[in-house]
């Protein structure tokens, strides 16, 4: 989970648009990755 959390945070900081499209937008960083 820690690795996923870190990866999600990095993606959010690097490309918020991509993360929004993948996670759906509206989910906080980390939470979205964990929820998925």
N, C-alpha and C. Protein backbone atom coordinates (compact mmCIF):
# COMPACT_ATOMS: atom_id res chain seq x y z
N UNK A 1 0.84 -1.20 0.00
CA UNK A 1 0.00 0.00 0.00
C UNK A 1 0.88 1.25 0.00
N UNK A 2 1.97 1.21 0.75
CA UNK A 2 2.84 2.38 0.83
C UNK A 2 3.35 2.76 -0.56
N UNK A 3 3.79 1.76 -1.31
CA UNK A 3 4.32 2.04 -2.66
C UNK A 3 3.23 2.65 -3.52
N UNK A 4 2.03 2.09 -3.47
CA UNK A 4 0.92 2.61 -4.27
C UNK A 4 0.63 4.06 -3.87
N UNK A 5 0.61 4.30 -2.57
CA UNK A 5 0.32 5.65 -2.07
C UNK A 5 1.34 6.64 -2.62
N UNK A 6 2.62 6.27 -2.54
CA UNK A 6 3.68 7.16 -3.02
C UNK A 6 3.52 7.38 -4.52
N UNK A 7 3.28 6.30 -5.27
CA UNK A 7 3.14 6.43 -6.72
C UNK A 7 1.97 7.34 -7.06
N UNK A 8 0.87 7.16 -6.37
CA UNK A 8 -0.30 7.99 -6.64
C UNK A 8 0.02 9.45 -6.36
N UNK A 9 0.69 9.72 -5.27
CA UNK A 9 1.02 11.11 -4.92
C UNK A 9 1.92 11.71 -5.99
N UNK A 10 2.91 10.95 -6.44
CA UNK A 10 3.83 11.45 -7.46
C UNK A 10 3.07 11.76 -8.74
N UNK A 11 2.20 10.85 -9.15
CA UNK A 11 1.43 11.06 -10.38
C UNK A 11 0.58 12.32 -10.25
N UNK A 12 -0.03 12.49 -9.09
CA UNK A 12 -0.89 13.66 -8.89
C UNK A 12 -0.07 14.94 -9.00
N UNK A 13 1.12 14.93 -8.39
CA UNK A 13 1.95 16.13 -8.42
C UNK A 13 2.53 16.35 -9.81
N UNK A 14 2.85 15.26 -10.51
CA UNK A 14 3.46 15.37 -11.83
C UNK A 14 2.43 15.70 -12.89
N UNK A 15 1.36 14.90 -12.95
CA UNK A 15 0.33 15.11 -13.97
C UNK A 15 -1.05 15.01 -13.34
N UNK A 16 -1.52 16.11 -12.77
CA UNK A 16 -2.85 16.09 -12.13
C UNK A 16 -3.95 15.78 -13.13
N UNK A 17 -3.78 16.25 -14.36
CA UNK A 17 -4.81 16.00 -15.39
C UNK A 17 -4.93 14.51 -15.67
N UNK A 18 -3.81 13.85 -15.84
CA UNK A 18 -3.84 12.40 -16.14
C UNK A 18 -4.48 11.66 -14.98
N UNK A 19 -4.07 11.99 -13.77
CA UNK A 19 -4.62 11.31 -12.59
C UNK A 19 -6.12 11.54 -12.54
N UNK A 20 -6.54 12.76 -12.83
CA UNK A 20 -7.97 13.08 -12.80
C UNK A 20 -8.71 12.19 -13.78
N UNK A 21 -8.14 12.04 -14.96
CA UNK A 21 -8.80 11.23 -16.00
C UNK A 21 -8.83 9.76 -15.59
N UNK A 22 -7.74 9.30 -14.98
CA UNK A 22 -7.66 7.86 -14.63
C UNK A 22 -8.52 7.56 -13.40
N UNK A 23 -8.36 8.36 -12.36
CA UNK A 23 -9.09 8.09 -11.12
C UNK A 23 -10.54 8.58 -11.23
N UNK A 24 -10.76 9.61 -12.03
CA UNK A 24 -12.11 10.11 -12.18
C UNK A 24 -12.25 11.53 -11.65
N UNK A 25 -11.26 12.01 -10.93
CA UNK A 25 -11.33 13.37 -10.40
C UNK A 25 -12.28 13.44 -9.21
N UNK A 26 -11.92 14.21 -8.20
CA UNK A 26 -12.79 14.33 -7.03
C UNK A 26 -12.25 13.51 -5.87
N UNK A 27 -11.37 12.57 -6.15
CA UNK A 27 -10.77 11.76 -5.07
C UNK A 27 -9.43 12.38 -4.66
N UNK A 28 -9.18 12.48 -3.36
CA UNK A 28 -7.92 13.05 -2.88
C UNK A 28 -6.74 12.16 -3.25
N UNK A 29 -5.54 12.71 -3.35
CA UNK A 29 -4.35 11.91 -3.69
C UNK A 29 -4.13 10.81 -2.67
N UNK A 30 -3.86 9.60 -3.16
CA UNK A 30 -3.65 8.49 -2.23
C UNK A 30 -4.96 7.74 -2.01
N UNK A 31 -5.99 8.45 -1.61
CA UNK A 31 -7.29 7.82 -1.36
C UNK A 31 -7.79 7.17 -2.65
N UNK A 32 -7.68 7.89 -3.76
CA UNK A 32 -8.15 7.34 -5.02
C UNK A 32 -7.44 6.04 -5.35
N UNK A 33 -6.11 6.05 -5.22
CA UNK A 33 -5.34 4.84 -5.51
C UNK A 33 -5.75 3.70 -4.59
N UNK A 34 -5.94 4.01 -3.30
CA UNK A 34 -6.31 2.96 -2.34
C UNK A 34 -7.71 2.44 -2.66
N UNK A 35 -8.60 3.35 -3.02
CA UNK A 35 -9.98 2.95 -3.30
C UNK A 35 -9.99 2.01 -4.51
N UNK A 36 -9.17 2.30 -5.49
CA UNK A 36 -9.17 1.49 -6.70
C UNK A 36 -8.61 0.12 -6.38
